[in-house]
Amino acid sequence: MSNELWRYDTGWLCGYTEDRDLIRRIKRYKKDWEIMADYFRGNRLIGVQFRIPIEQRRPAERMFGVTVIKENKAI
């Protein structure tokens, strides 16, 4: 199962997971986390991408079990 978190826009994070139990927990308890995309292979759900308020970074990191990816802005 893969879980990822990254910065999306000012004030937002994105989270991606393929873990079905985690998807169920997020849908049940985190009503303010919006579903951005559902990923299917054939007719079967394989992953979900969520948009998460930046204020909930720490709960998101605990639920996903990863830390936010830090991007290097230097070229």
Protein backbone atom coordinates (compact mmCIF):
# COMPACT_ATOMS: atom_id res chain seq x y z
CA MET A 1 0.00 0.00 0.00
CA SER A 2 1.36 3.41 -0.84
CA ASN A 3 0.63 6.63 1.03
CA GLU A 4 1.95 10.07 0.07
CA LEU A 5 1.53 13.65 1.28
CA TRP A 6 2.73 16.79 -0.50
CA ARG A 7 2.12 20.54 -0.58
CA TYR A 8 -0.50 21.45 -3.16
CA ASP A 9 -1.27 25.16 -3.00
CA THR A 10 -1.21 27.94 -0.42
CA GLY A 11 -3.10 26.54 2.56
CA TRP A 12 -3.57 23.03 1.16
CA LEU A 13 -1.95 19.61 1.15
CA CYS A 14 -2.67 16.63 -1.05
CA GLY A 15 -2.71 13.06 0.15
CA TYR A 16 -2.83 9.88 -1.90
CA THR A 17 -3.53 6.43 -0.55
CA GLU A 18 -4.28 2.95 -1.82
CA ASP A 19 -5.11 1.62 1.66
CA ARG A 20 -8.83 0.75 1.76
CA ASP A 21 -9.07 0.95 5.56
CA LEU A 22 -7.50 4.42 5.55
CA ILE A 23 -9.89 5.56 2.79
CA ARG A 24 -12.85 4.41 4.90
CA ARG A 25 -11.55 6.16 8.03
CA ILE A 26 -10.98 9.42 6.18
CA LYS A 27 -14.44 9.34 4.59
CA ARG A 28 -16.01 8.65 7.99
CA TYR A 29 -14.14 11.08 10.25
CA LYS A 30 -12.62 13.83 8.07
CA LYS A 31 -15.59 15.51 6.36
CA ASP A 32 -13.55 18.62 5.50
CA TRP A 33 -11.00 16.62 3.47
CA GLU A 34 -12.21 16.77 -0.14
CA ILE A 35 -11.78 13.96 -2.63
CA MET A 36 -9.87 15.33 -5.61
CA ALA A 37 -9.62 12.15 -7.65
CA ASP A 38 -10.52 8.47 -7.60
CA TYR A 39 -8.19 6.10 -9.43
CA PHE A 40 -9.57 2.95 -11.03
CA ARG A 41 -8.03 0.01 -12.83
CA GLY A 42 -10.77 -1.68 -14.78
CA ASN A 43 -13.83 -1.21 -12.57
CA ARG A 44 -11.92 -1.56 -9.31
CA LEU A 45 -10.92 1.38 -7.06
CA ILE A 46 -7.16 1.37 -6.50
CA GLY A 47 -6.52 4.79 -4.92
CA VAL A 48 -7.97 8.09 -3.74
CA GLN A 49 -6.43 11.57 -3.68
CA PHE A 50 -7.59 14.03 -0.99
CA ARG A 51 -7.24 17.81 -0.59
CA ILE A 52 -6.44 18.57 3.05
CA PRO A 53 -6.36 21.95 4.85
CA ILE A 54 -2.79 22.84 5.89
CA GLU A 55 -3.97 23.32 9.49
CA GLN A 56 -4.50 19.55 9.64
CA ARG A 57 -0.98 18.62 8.52
CA ARG A 58 -0.08 16.80 11.75
CA PRO A 59 -3.26 14.66 11.87
CA ALA A 60 -2.75 13.90 8.17
CA GLU A 61 0.85 12.82 8.75
CA ARG A 62 -0.26 10.52 11.57
CA MET A 63 -3.11 8.99 9.56
CA PHE A 64 -1.04 8.48 6.40
CA GLY A 65 2.08 7.40 8.32
CA VAL A 66 4.36 9.67 6.26
CA THR A 67 5.65 13.24 6.45
CA VAL A 68 4.96 16.00 3.94
CA ILE A 69 7.35 15.95 0.98
CA LYS A 70 9.56 19.02 1.09
CA GLU A 71 10.23 20.39 -2.38
CA ASN A 72 13.52 22.09 -3.23
CA LYS A 73 12.78 25.41 -4.92
CA ALA A 74 16.40 25.91 -6.13
CA ILE A 75 17.08 25.37 -9.80
